[in-house]
């Protein structure tokens, strides 16, 4: 389902991979049964490849990590959160265009290098 550069975040690796990351992180909170989540999946996978080395892009299945969904107030999916230095910077709820996710990442990276 996910592209080769798209990471998978869960209760076991979230602290290390997201909160302690030295690069910005985009987390797609999703579920397999969610139609809009399936619609944004290709954009998330493309971003993971395009931003490789500059940001981490990954998915967190809310059905397998309900504690993380609750911790970050995810009430509808898809919810895309961006993190910098362990803090949530952006919250994008619902299916958005790839360009909106890219703009959030570019802001975190500090310059538009796309």
PDB file of N, CA and C in Angstrom:
ATOM      1  N   UNK A   1       0.817  -1.199   0.000  1.00  0.00           N
ATOM      2  CA  UNK A   1       0.000   0.000   0.000  1.00  0.00           C
ATOM      3  C   UNK A   1       0.857   1.258   0.000  1.00  0.00           C
ATOM      4  N   UNK A   2       1.887   1.330   0.799  1.00  0.00           N
ATOM      5  CA  UNK A   2       2.721   2.528   0.871  1.00  0.00           C
ATOM      6  C   UNK A   2       3.883   2.425  -0.097  1.00  0.00           C
ATOM      7  N   UNK A   3       4.359   3.598  -0.516  1.00  0.00           N
ATOM      8  CA  UNK A   3       5.519   3.638  -1.398  1.00  0.00           C
ATOM      9  C   UNK A   3       6.774   3.200  -0.668  1.00  0.00           C
ATOM     10  N   UNK A   4       7.829   2.967  -1.419  1.00  0.00           N
ATOM     11  CA  UNK A   4       9.041   2.431  -0.808  1.00  0.00           C
ATOM     12  C   UNK A   4       9.713   3.403   0.157  1.00  0.00           C
ATOM     13  N   UNK A   5       9.437   4.706   0.033  1.00  0.00           N
ATOM     14  CA  UNK A   5      10.059   5.688   0.932  1.00  0.00           C
ATOM     15  C   UNK A   5       9.128   6.123   2.070  1.00  0.00           C
ATOM     16  N   UNK A   6       7.876   5.680   2.013  1.00  0.00           N
ATOM     17  CA  UNK A   6       6.908   6.046   3.040  1.00  0.00           C
ATOM     18  C   UNK A   6       7.134   5.184   4.275  1.00  0.00           C
ATOM     19  N   UNK A   7       7.325   5.845   5.411  1.00  0.00           N
ATOM     20  CA  UNK A   7       7.574   5.144   6.671  1.00  0.00           C
ATOM     21  C   UNK A   7       6.256   4.740   7.323  1.00  0.00           C
ATOM     22  N   UNK A   8       6.344   3.836   8.267  1.00  0.00           N
ATOM     23  CA  UNK A   8       5.182   3.419   9.046  1.00  0.00           C
ATOM     24  C   UNK A   8       5.457   3.735  10.510  1.00  0.00           C
ATOM     25  N   UNK A   9       4.639   4.605  11.076  1.00  0.00           N
ATOM     26  CA  UNK A   9       4.799   5.009  12.467  1.00  0.00           C
ATOM     27  C   UNK A   9       3.782   4.268  13.314  1.00  0.00           C
ATOM     28  N   UNK A  10       4.220   3.880  14.527  1.00  0.00           N
ATOM     29  CA  UNK A  10       3.334   3.177  15.454  1.00  0.00           C
ATOM     30  C   UNK A  10       3.752   3.514  16.879  1.00  0.00           C
ATOM     31  N   UNK A  11       3.083   2.875  17.828  1.00  0.00           N
ATOM     32  CA  UNK A  11       3.367   3.141  19.249  1.00  0.00           C
ATOM     33  C   UNK A  11       4.825   2.841  19.602  1.00  0.00           C
ATOM     34  N   UNK A  12       5.422   1.865  18.926  1.00  0.00           N
ATOM     35  CA  UNK A  12       6.788   1.455  19.253  1.00  0.00           C
ATOM     36  C   UNK A  12       7.864   2.397  18.727  1.00  0.00           C
ATOM     37  N   UNK A  13       7.624   3.044  17.594  1.00  0.00           N
ATOM     38  CA  UNK A  13       8.691   3.856  17.002  1.00  0.00           C
ATOM     39  C   UNK A  13       8.389   5.350  16.924  1.00  0.00           C
ATOM     40  N   UNK A  14       7.215   5.780  17.349  1.00  0.00           N
ATOM     41  CA  UNK A  14       6.811   7.182  17.188  1.00  0.00           C
ATOM     42  C   UNK A  14       7.758   8.143  17.902  1.00  0.00           C
ATOM     43  N   UNK A  15       8.094   7.835  19.123  1.00  0.00           N
ATOM     44  CA  UNK A  15       9.002   8.703  19.901  1.00  0.00           C
ATOM     45  C   UNK A  15      10.322   8.888  19.158  1.00  0.00           C
ATOM     46  N   UNK A  16      10.921   7.816  18.738  1.00  0.00           N
ATOM     47  CA  UNK A  16      12.224   7.857  18.075  1.00  0.00           C
ATOM     48  C   UNK A  16      12.146   8.472  16.674  1.00  0.00           C
ATOM     49  N   UNK A  17      11.201   8.002  15.883  1.00  0.00           N
ATOM     50  CA  UNK A  17      11.144   8.405  14.476  1.00  0.00           C
ATOM     51  C   UNK A  17      10.527   9.779  14.251  1.00  0.00           C
ATOM     52  N   UNK A  18       9.598  10.174  15.107  1.00  0.00           N
ATOM     53  CA  UNK A  18       8.890  11.440  14.914  1.00  0.00           C
ATOM     54  C   UNK A  18       9.354  12.500  15.909  1.00  0.00           C
ATOM     55  N   UNK A  19       9.170  12.232  17.185  1.00  0.00           N
ATOM     56  CA  UNK A  19       9.428  13.258  18.197  1.00  0.00           C
ATOM     57  C   UNK A  19      10.909  13.577  18.357  1.00  0.00           C
ATOM     58  N   UNK A  20      11.795  12.610  18.142  1.00  0.00           N
ATOM     59  CA  UNK A  20      13.228  12.850  18.281  1.00  0.00           C
ATOM     60  C   UNK A  20      13.923  13.073  16.937  1.00  0.00           C
ATOM     61  N   UNK A  21      13.177  13.199  15.867  1.00  0.00           N
ATOM     62  CA  UNK A  21      13.753  13.354  14.534  1.00  0.00           C
ATOM     63  C   UNK A  21      14.514  14.672  14.410  1.00  0.00           C
ATOM     64  N   UNK A  22      15.636  14.632  13.705  1.00  0.00           N
ATOM     65  CA  UNK A  22      16.404  15.853  13.469  1.00  0.00           C
ATOM     66  C   UNK A  22      15.988  16.532  12.166  1.00  0.00           C
ATOM     67  N   UNK A  23      15.007  15.979  11.467  1.00  0.00           N
ATOM     68  CA  UNK A  23      14.433  16.611  10.278  1.00  0.00           C
ATOM     69  C   UNK A  23      12.918  16.714  10.488  1.00  0.00           C
ATOM     70  N   UNK A  24      12.253  17.613   9.757  1.00  0.00           N
ATOM     71  CA  UNK A  24      10.791  17.701   9.867  1.00  0.00           C
ATOM     72  C   UNK A  24      10.132  16.370   9.509  1.00  0.00           C
ATOM     73  N   UNK A  25       8.946  16.143  10.093  1.00  0.00           N
ATOM     74  CA  UNK A  25       8.215  14.898   9.869  1.00  0.00           C
ATOM     75  C   UNK A  25       6.768  15.213   9.516  1.00  0.00           C
ATOM     76  N   UNK A  26       6.246  14.514   8.506  1.00  0.00           N
ATOM     77  CA  UNK A  26       4.833  14.583   8.166  1.00  0.00           C
ATOM     78  C   UNK A  26       4.237  13.225   8.496  1.00  0.00           C
ATOM     79  N   UNK A  27       3.165  13.223   9.302  1.00  0.00           N
ATOM     80  CA  UNK A  27       2.498  11.987   9.697  1.00  0.00           C
ATOM     81  C   UNK A  27       1.067  12.012   9.181  1.00  0.00           C
ATOM     82  N   UNK A  28       0.725  11.003   8.393  1.00  0.00           N
ATOM     83  CA  UNK A  28      -0.621  10.823   7.871  1.00  0.00           C
ATOM     84  C   UNK A  28      -1.342   9.826   8.770  1.00  0.00           C
ATOM     85  N   UNK A  29      -2.288  10.333   9.588  1.00  0.00           N
ATOM     86  CA  UNK A  29      -3.122   9.453  10.406  1.00  0.00           C
ATOM     87  C   UNK A  29      -4.259   8.973   9.510  1.00  0.00           C
ATOM     88  N   UNK A  30      -4.371   7.657   9.333  1.00  0.00           N
ATOM     89  CA  UNK A  30      -5.270   7.086   8.338  1.00  0.00           C
ATOM     90  C   UNK A  30      -5.799   5.741   8.803  1.00  0.00           C
ATOM     91  N   UNK A  31      -6.643   5.130   7.974  1.00  0.00           N
ATOM     92  CA  UNK A  31      -7.123   3.764   8.201  1.00  0.00           C
ATOM     93  C   UNK A  31      -7.430   3.134   6.844  1.00  0.00           C
ATOM     94  N   UNK A  32      -7.338   1.822   6.790  1.00  0.00           N
ATOM     95  CA  UNK A  32      -7.537   1.111   5.526  1.00  0.00           C
ATOM     96  C   UNK A  32      -8.950   1.277   4.981  1.00  0.00           C
ATOM     97  N   UNK A  33      -9.936   1.445   5.840  1.00  0.00           N
ATOM     98  CA  UNK A  33     -11.334   1.536   5.434  1.00  0.00           C
ATOM     99  C   UNK A  33     -11.754   2.951   5.041  1.00  0.00           C
ATOM    100  N   UNK A  34     -10.856   3.915   5.133  1.00  0.00           N
ATOM    101  CA  UNK A  34     -11.174   5.330   4.919  1.00  0.00           C
ATOM    102  C   UNK A  34     -10.967   5.716   3.450  1.00  0.00           C
ATOM    103  N   UNK A  35     -12.047   6.025   2.752  1.00  0.00           N
ATOM    104  CA  UNK A  35     -11.973   6.412   1.345  1.00  0.00           C
ATOM    105  C   UNK A  35     -11.099   7.626   1.089  1.00  0.00           C
ATOM    106  N   UNK A  36     -11.316   8.737   1.798  1.00  0.00           N
ATOM    107  CA  UNK A  36     -10.460   9.905   1.583  1.00  0.00           C
ATOM    108  C   UNK A  36      -8.981   9.624   1.881  1.00  0.00           C
ATOM    109  N   UNK A  37      -8.721   8.719   2.827  1.00  0.00           N
ATOM    110  CA  UNK A  37      -7.331   8.339   3.128  1.00  0.00           C
ATOM    111  C   UNK A  37      -6.703   7.665   1.904  1.00  0.00           C
ATOM    112  N   UNK A  38      -7.486   6.825   1.242  1.00  0.00           N
ATOM    113  CA  UNK A  38      -6.995   6.151   0.045  1.00  0.00           C
ATOM    114  C   UNK A  38      -6.731   7.164  -1.065  1.00  0.00           C
ATOM    115  N   UNK A  39      -7.533   8.229  -1.110  1.00  0.00           N
ATOM    116  CA  UNK A  39      -7.363   9.261  -2.138  1.00  0.00           C
ATOM    117  C   UNK A  39      -6.057  10.034  -1.961  1.00  0.00           C
ATOM    118  N   UNK A  40      -5.657  10.303  -0.714  1.00  0.00           N
ATOM    119  CA  UNK A  40      -4.430  11.089  -0.497  1.00  0.00           C
ATOM    120  C   UNK A  40      -3.178  10.216  -0.452  1.00  0.00           C
ATOM    121  N   UNK A  41      -3.334   8.902  -0.361  1.00  0.00           N
ATOM    122  CA  UNK A  41      -2.181   8.006  -0.242  1.00  0.00           C
ATOM    123  C   UNK A  41      -1.152   8.189  -1.353  1.00  0.00           C
ATOM    124  N   UNK A  42      -1.553   8.313  -2.618  1.00  0.00           N
ATOM    125  CA  UNK A  42      -0.537   8.506  -3.663  1.00  0.00           C
ATOM    126  C   UNK A  42       0.275   9.787  -3.470  1.00  0.00           C
ATOM    127  N   UNK A  43      -0.374  10.855  -3.029  1.00  0.00           N
ATOM    128  CA  UNK A  43       0.337  12.118  -2.790  1.00  0.00           C
ATOM    129  C   UNK A  43       1.338  11.965  -1.653  1.00  0.00           C
ATOM    130  N   UNK A  44       0.946  11.263  -0.604  1.00  0.00           N
ATOM    131  CA  UNK A  44       1.846  11.039   0.531  1.00  0.00           C
ATOM    132  C   UNK A  44       3.059  10.232   0.068  1.00  0.00           C
ATOM    133  N   UNK A  45       2.817   9.203  -0.720  1.00  0.00           N
ATOM    134  CA  UNK A  45       3.916   8.379  -1.222  1.00  0.00           C
ATOM    135  C   UNK A  45       4.853   9.178  -2.125  1.00  0.00           C
ATOM    136  N   UNK A  46       4.295  10.029  -2.979  1.00  0.00           N
ATOM    137  CA  UNK A  46       5.123  10.869  -3.856  1.00  0.00           C
ATOM    138  C   UNK A  46       5.970  11.837  -3.037  1.00  0.00           C
ATOM    139  N   UNK A  47       5.371  12.437  -2.016  1.00  0.00           N
ATOM    140  CA  UNK A  47       6.116  13.363  -1.158  1.00  0.00           C
ATOM    141  C   UNK A  47       7.252  12.645  -0.438  1.00  0.00           C
ATOM    142  N   UNK A  48       7.000  11.420   0.000  1.00  0.00           N
ATOM    143  CA  UNK A  48       8.041  10.651   0.692  1.00  0.00           C
ATOM    144  C   UNK A  48       9.263  10.485  -0.200  1.00  0.00           C
ATOM    145  N   UNK A  49       9.046  10.235  -1.470  1.00  0.00           N
ATOM    146  CA  UNK A  49      10.164  10.100  -2.403  1.00  0.00           C
ATOM    147  C   UNK A  49      10.806  11.460  -2.694  1.00  0.00           C
ATOM    148  N   UNK A  50       9.992  12.474  -2.904  1.00  0.00           N
ATOM    149  CA  UNK A  50      10.503  13.794  -3.270  1.00  0.00           C
ATOM    150  C   UNK A  50      11.277  14.476  -2.137  1.00  0.00           C
ATOM    151  N   UNK A  51      10.869  14.242  -0.905  1.00  0.00           N
ATOM    152  CA  UNK A  51      11.506  14.908   0.233  1.00  0.00           C
ATOM    153  C   UNK A  51      12.515  14.020   0.948  1.00  0.00           C
ATOM    154  N   UNK A  52      12.834  12.894   0.350  1.00  0.00           N
ATOM    155  CA  UNK A  52      13.791  11.966   0.956  1.00  0.00           C
ATOM    156  C   UNK A  52      15.096  12.696   1.283  1.00  0.00           C
ATOM    157  N   UNK A  53      15.558  12.529   2.521  1.00  0.00           N
ATOM    158  CA  UNK A  53      16.782  13.180   2.966  1.00  0.00           C
ATOM    159  C   UNK A  53      16.551  14.553   3.583  1.00  0.00           C
ATOM    160  N   UNK A  54      15.385  15.144   3.329  1.00  0.00           N
ATOM    161  CA  UNK A  54      15.078  16.470   3.882  1.00  0.00           C
ATOM    162  C   UNK A  54      13.970  16.436   4.921  1.00  0.00           C
ATOM    163  N   UNK A  55      13.144  15.381   4.865  1.00  0.00           N
ATOM    164  CA  UNK A  55      12.033  15.224   5.802  1.00  0.00           C
ATOM    165  C   UNK A  55      11.653  13.751   5.843  1.00  0.00           C
ATOM    166  N   UNK A  56      10.993  13.369   6.922  1.00  0.00           N
ATOM    167  CA  UNK A  56      10.441  12.019   7.023  1.00  0.00           C
ATOM    168  C   UNK A  56       8.950  12.121   6.741  1.00  0.00           C
ATOM    169  N   UNK A  57       8.462  11.204   5.927  1.00  0.00           N
ATOM    170  CA  UNK A  57       7.043  11.155   5.588  1.00  0.00           C
ATOM    171  C   UNK A  57       6.553   9.756   5.912  1.00  0.00           C
ATOM    172  N   UNK A  58       5.475   9.679   6.691  1.00  0.00           N
ATOM    173  CA  UNK A  58       4.981   8.364   7.039  1.00  0.00           C
ATOM    174  C   UNK A  58       3.518   8.351   7.405  1.00  0.00           C
ATOM    175  N   UNK A  59       3.038   7.133   7.643  1.00  0.00           N
ATOM    176  CA  UNK A  59       1.641   6.892   7.938  1.00  0.00           C
ATOM    177  C   UNK A  59       1.514   6.237   9.317  1.00  0.00           C
ATOM    178  N   UNK A  60       0.418   6.567   9.976  1.00  0.00           N
ATOM    179  CA  UNK A  60       0.102   5.955  11.262  1.00  0.00           C
ATOM    180  C   UNK A  60      -1.343   5.480  11.202  1.00  0.00           C
ATOM    181  N   UNK A  61      -1.535   4.177  11.198  1.00  0.00           N
ATOM    182  CA  UNK A  61      -2.863   3.575  11.124  1.00  0.00           C
ATOM    183  C   UNK A  61      -3.556   3.743  12.478  1.00  0.00           C
ATOM    184  N   UNK A  62      -4.645   4.510  12.489  1.00  0.00           N
ATOM    185  CA  UNK A  62      -5.327   4.813  13.750  1.00  0.00           C
ATOM    186  C   UNK A  62      -5.939   3.569  14.391  1.00  0.00           C
ATOM    187  N   UNK A  63      -6.235   2.557  13.585  1.00  0.00           N
ATOM    188  CA  UNK A  63      -6.790   1.322  14.151  1.00  0.00           C
ATOM    189  C   UNK A  63      -5.728   0.514  14.890  1.00  0.00           C
ATOM    190  N   UNK A  64      -4.467   0.678  14.513  1.00  0.00           N
ATOM    191  CA  UNK A  64      -3.376  -0.041  15.169  1.00  0.00           C
ATOM    192  C   UNK A  64      -2.641   0.806  16.199  1.00  0.00           C
ATOM    193  N   UNK A  65      -2.908   2.111  16.208  1.00  0.00           N
ATOM    194  CA  UNK A  65      -2.264   3.008  17.178  1.00  0.00           C
ATOM    195  C   UNK A  65      -3.287   4.013  17.721  1.00  0.00           C
ATOM    196  N   UNK A  66      -4.345   3.504  18.363  1.00  0.00           N
ATOM    197  CA  UNK A  66      -5.378   4.415  18.862  1.00  0.00           C
ATOM    198  C   UNK A  66      -4.871   5.377  19.935  1.00  0.00           C
ATOM    199  N   UNK A  67      -3.852   4.965  20.669  1.00  0.00           N
ATOM    200  CA  UNK A  67      -3.292   5.846  21.691  1.00  0.00           C
ATOM    201  C   UNK A  67      -2.653   7.080  21.080  1.00  0.00           C
ATOM    202  N   UNK A  68      -1.966   6.909  19.961  1.00  0.00           N
ATOM    203  CA  UNK A  68      -1.352   8.056  19.275  1.00  0.00           C
ATOM    204  C   UNK A  68      -2.430   8.960  18.695  1.00  0.00           C
ATOM    205  N   UNK A  69      -3.460   8.367  18.107  1.00  0.00           N
ATOM    206  CA  UNK A  69      -4.559   9.166  17.558  1.00  0.00           C
ATOM    207  C   UNK A  69      -5.198   9.998  18.666  1.00  0.00           C
ATOM    208  N   UNK A  70      -5.420   9.393  19.804  1.00  0.00           N
ATOM    209  CA  UNK A  70      -6.014  10.104  20.932  1.00  0.00           C
ATOM    210  C   UNK A  70      -5.083  11.189  21.453  1.00  0.00           C
ATOM    211  N   UNK A  71      -3.816  10.859  21.595  1.00  0.00           N
ATOM    212  CA  UNK A  71      -2.821  11.807  22.109  1.00  0.00           C
ATOM    213  C   UNK A  71      -2.773  13.087  21.285  1.00  0.00           C
ATOM    214  N   UNK A  72      -2.945  12.949  19.969  1.00  0.00           N
ATOM    215  CA  UNK A  72      -2.861  14.110  19.082  1.00  0.00           C
ATOM    216  C   UNK A  72      -4.221  14.613  18.628  1.00  0.00           C
ATOM    217  N   UNK A  73      -5.283  14.184  19.297  1.00  0.00           N
ATOM    218  CA  UNK A  73      -6.612  14.714  19.040  1.00  0.00           C
ATOM    219  C   UNK A  73      -7.139  14.436  17.644  1.00  0.00           C
ATOM    220  N   UNK A  74      -6.764  13.292  17.090  1.00  0.00           N
ATOM    221  CA  UNK A  74      -7.232  12.928  15.755  1.00  0.00           C
ATOM    222  C   UNK A  74      -8.654  12.399  15.889  1.00  0.00           C
ATOM    223  N   UNK A  75      -9.625  13.180  15.392  1.00  0.00           N
ATOM    224  CA  UNK A  75     -11.027  12.788  15.499  1.00  0.00           C
ATOM    225  C   UNK A  75     -11.634  12.424  14.155  1.00  0.00           C
ATOM    226  N   UNK A  76     -10.999  12.867  13.072  1.00  0.00           N
ATOM    227  CA  UNK A  76     -11.434  12.446  11.743  1.00  0.00           C
ATOM    228  C   UNK A  76     -10.188  12.228  10.899  1.00  0.00           C
ATOM    229  N   UNK A  77     -10.339  11.346   9.929  1.00  0.00           N
ATOM    230  CA  UNK A  77      -9.188  11.005   9.099  1.00  0.00           C
ATOM    231  C   UNK A  77      -9.545  11.197   7.639  1.00  0.00           C
ATOM    232  N   UNK A  78      -8.580  11.503   6.806  1.00  0.00           N
ATOM    233  CA  UNK A  78      -7.171  11.638   7.169  1.00  0.00           C
ATOM    234  C   UNK A  78      -6.912  12.934   7.938  1.00  0.00           C
ATOM    235  N   UNK A  79      -6.014  12.857   8.894  1.00  0.00           N
ATOM    236  CA  UNK A  79      -5.453  14.030   9.551  1.00  0.00           C
ATOM    237  C   UNK A  79      -3.957  13.960   9.333  1.00  0.00           C
ATOM    238  N   UNK A  80      -3.414  15.023   8.771  1.00  0.00           N
ATOM    239  CA  UNK A  80      -1.974  15.079   8.511  1.00  0.00           C
ATOM    240  C   UNK A  80      -1.386  16.098   9.474  1.00  0.00           C
ATOM    241  N   UNK A  81      -0.413  15.647  10.271  1.00  0.00           N
ATOM    242  CA  UNK A  81       0.293  16.533  11.197  1.00  0.00           C
ATOM    243  C   UNK A  81       1.739  16.648  10.745  1.00  0.00           C
ATOM    244  N   UNK A  82       2.276  17.858  10.851  1.00  0.00           N
ATOM    245  CA  UNK A  82       3.713  18.020  10.637  1.00  0.00           C
ATOM    246  C   UNK A  82       4.346  18.335  11.978  1.00  0.00           C
ATOM    247  N   UNK A  83       5.555  17.822  12.153  1.00  0.00           N
ATOM    248  CA  UNK A  83       6.296  17.987  13.398  1.00  0.00           C
ATOM    249  C   UNK A  83       7.666  18.586  13.103  1.00  0.00           C
ATOM    250  N   UNK A  84       8.106  19.456  13.994  1.00  0.00           N
ATOM    251  CA  UNK A  84       9.485  19.943  13.991  1.00  0.00           C
ATOM    252  C   UNK A  84       9.921  19.976  15.440  1.00  0.00           C
ATOM    253  N   UNK A  85      11.067  19.370  15.718  1.00  0.00           N
ATOM    254  CA  UNK A  85      11.615  19.337  17.074  1.00  0.00           C
ATOM    255  C   UNK A  85      10.599  18.771  18.071  1.00  0.00           C
ATOM    256  N   UNK A  86       9.856  17.752  17.652  1.00  0.00           N
ATOM    257  CA  UNK A  86       8.928  17.083  18.542  1.00  0.00           C
ATOM    258  C   UNK A  86       7.607  17.785  18.765  1.00  0.00           C
ATOM    259  N   UNK A  87       7.388  18.910  18.094  1.00  0.00           N
ATOM    260  CA  UNK A  87       6.168  19.691  18.288  1.00  0.00           C
ATOM    261  C   UNK A  87       5.322  19.702  17.022  1.00  0.00           C
ATOM    262  N   UNK A  88       4.006  19.642  17.204  1.00  0.00           N
ATOM    263  CA  UNK A  88       3.101  19.753  16.060  1.00  0.00           C
ATOM    264  C   UNK A  88       3.146  21.187  15.545  1.00  0.00           C
ATOM    265  N   UNK A  89       3.364  21.335  14.243  1.00  0.00           N
ATOM    266  CA  UNK A  89       3.400  22.656  13.621  1.00  0.00           C
ATOM    267  C   UNK A  89       2.159  22.897  12.755  1.00  0.00           C
ATOM    268  N   UNK A  90       1.767  21.903  11.975  1.00  0.00           N
ATOM    269  CA  UNK A  90       0.592  22.021  11.113  1.00  0.00           C
ATOM    270  C   UNK A  90      -0.372  20.869  11.378  1.00  0.00           C
ATOM    271  N   UNK A  91      -1.662  21.161  11.206  1.00  0.00           N
ATOM    272  CA  UNK A  91      -2.721  20.144  11.286  1.00  0.00           C
ATOM    273  C   UNK A  91      -3.609  20.355  10.069  1.00  0.00           C
ATOM    274  N   UNK A  92      -3.627  19.378   9.182  1.00  0.00           N
ATOM    275  CA  UNK A  92      -4.446  19.427   7.976  1.00  0.00           C
ATOM    276  C   UNK A  92      -5.452  18.280   8.057  1.00  0.00           C
ATOM    277  N   UNK A  93      -6.730  18.605   8.169  1.00  0.00           N
ATOM    278  CA  UNK A  93      -7.767  17.601   8.356  1.00  0.00           C
ATOM    279  C   UNK A  93      -8.573  17.457   7.072  1.00  0.00           C
ATOM    280  N   UNK A  94      -8.773  16.221   6.666  1.00  0.00           N
ATOM    281  CA  UNK A  94      -9.499  15.941   5.439  1.00  0.00           C
ATOM    282  C   UNK A  94      -8.546  15.841   4.262  1.00  0.00           C
ATOM    283  N   UNK A  95      -9.067  15.360   3.153  1.00  0.00           N
ATOM    284  CA  UNK A  95      -8.250  15.204   1.951  1.00  0.00           C
ATOM    285  C   UNK A  95      -7.889  16.577   1.392  1.00  0.00           C
ATOM    286  N   UNK A  96      -6.612  16.787   1.177  1.00  0.00           N
ATOM    287  CA  UNK A  96      -6.093  18.037   0.623  1.00  0.00           C
ATOM    288  C   UNK A  96      -5.290  17.724  -0.629  1.00  0.00           C
ATOM    289  N   UNK A  97      -4.944  18.778  -1.348  1.00  0.00           N
ATOM    290  CA  UNK A  97      -4.082  18.610  -2.512  1.00  0.00           C
ATOM    291  C   UNK A  97      -2.636  18.399  -2.069  1.00  0.00           C
ATOM    292  N   UNK A  98      -1.894  17.688  -2.886  1.00  0.00           N
ATOM    293  CA  UNK A  98      -0.472  17.442  -2.618  1.00  0.00           C
ATOM    294  C   UNK A  98       0.271  18.744  -2.367  1.00  0.00           C
ATOM    295  N   UNK A  99      -0.072  19.781  -3.105  1.00  0.00           N
ATOM    296  CA  UNK A  99       0.614  21.069  -2.972  1.00  0.00           C
ATOM    297  C   UNK A  99       0.456  21.661  -1.571  1.00  0.00           C
ATOM    298  N   UNK A 100      -0.656  21.383  -0.906  1.00  0.00           N
ATOM    299  CA  UNK A 100      -0.855  21.887   0.456  1.00  0.00           C
ATOM    300  C   UNK A 100       0.079  21.187   1.439  1.00  0.00           C
ATOM    301  N   UNK A 101       0.247  19.881   1.267  1.00  0.00           N
ATOM    302  CA  UNK A 101       1.172  19.148   2.125  1.00  0.00           C
ATOM    303  C   UNK A 101       2.605  19.600   1.841  1.00  0.00           C
ATOM    304  N   UNK A 102       2.921  19.800   0.566  1.00  0.00           N
ATOM    305  CA  UNK A 102       4.266  20.242   0.182  1.00  0.00           C
ATOM    306  C   UNK A 102       4.564  21.619   0.762  1.00  0.00           C
ATOM    307  N   UNK A 103       3.587  22.515   0.747  1.00  0.00           N
ATOM    308  CA  UNK A 103       3.790  23.859   1.290  1.00  0.00           C
ATOM    309  C   UNK A 103       4.096  23.798   2.785  1.00  0.00           C
ATOM    310  N   UNK A 104       3.409  22.925   3.513  1.00  0.00           N
ATOM    311  CA  UNK A 104       3.669  22.768   4.949  1.00  0.00           C
ATOM    312  C   UNK A 104       5.087  22.251   5.174  1.00  0.00           C
ATOM    313  N   UNK A 105       5.502  21.273   4.368  1.00  0.00           N
ATOM    314  CA  UNK A 105       6.866  20.749   4.490  1.00  0.00           C
ATOM    315  C   UNK A 105       7.898  21.809   4.134  1.00  0.00           C
ATOM    316  N   UNK A 106       7.660  22.544   3.056  1.00  0.00           N
ATOM    317  CA  UNK A 106       8.609  23.574   2.644  1.00  0.00           C
ATOM    318  C   UNK A 106       8.795  24.620   3.735  1.00  0.00           C
ATOM    319  N   UNK A 107       7.703  24.965   4.408  1.00  0.00           N
ATOM    320  CA  UNK A 107       7.804  25.933   5.509  1.00  0.00           C
ATOM    321  C   UNK A 107       8.696  25.385   6.619  1.00  0.00           C
ATOM    322  N   UNK A 108       8.558  24.112   6.922  1.00  0.00           N
ATOM    323  CA  UNK A 108       9.373  23.512   7.979  1.00  0.00           C
ATOM    324  C   UNK A 108      10.840  23.398   7.574  1.00  0.00           C
ATOM    325  N   UNK A 109      11.068  23.089   6.329  1.00  0.00           N
ATOM    326  CA  UNK A 109      12.439  22.939   5.846  1.00  0.00           C
ATOM    327  C   UNK A 109      13.112  24.302   5.765  1.00  0.00           C
ATOM    328  N   UNK A 110      12.319  25.333   5.546  1.00  0.00           N
ATOM    329  CA  UNK A 110      12.863  26.689   5.577  1.00  0.00           C
ATOM    330  C   UNK A 110      13.061  27.321   4.222  1.00  0.00           C
ATOM    331  N   UNK A 111      12.903  26.556   3.172  1.00  0.00           N
ATOM    332  CA  UNK A 111      12.999  27.136   1.838  1.00  0.00           C
ATOM    333  C   UNK A 111      12.363  26.182   0.852  1.00  0.00           C
ATOM    334  N   UNK A 112      11.877  26.720  -0.209  1.00  0.00           N
ATOM    335  CA  UNK A 112      11.249  25.899  -1.246  1.00  0.00           C
ATOM    336  C   UNK A 112      12.332  25.358  -2.148  1.00  0.00           C
ATOM    337  N   UNK A 113      12.696  24.080  -1.949  1.00  0.00           N
ATOM    338  CA  UNK A 113      13.748  23.457  -2.749  1.00  0.00           C
ATOM    339  C   UNK A 113      13.164  22.458  -3.731  1.00  0.00           C
ATOM    340  N   UNK A 114      11.850  22.480  -3.909  1.00  0.00           N
ATOM    341  CA  UNK A 114      11.196  21.557  -4.831  1.00  0.00           C
ATOM    342  C   UNK A 114      11.399  22.029  -6.183  1.00  0.00           C
TER     343      UNK A 114
END
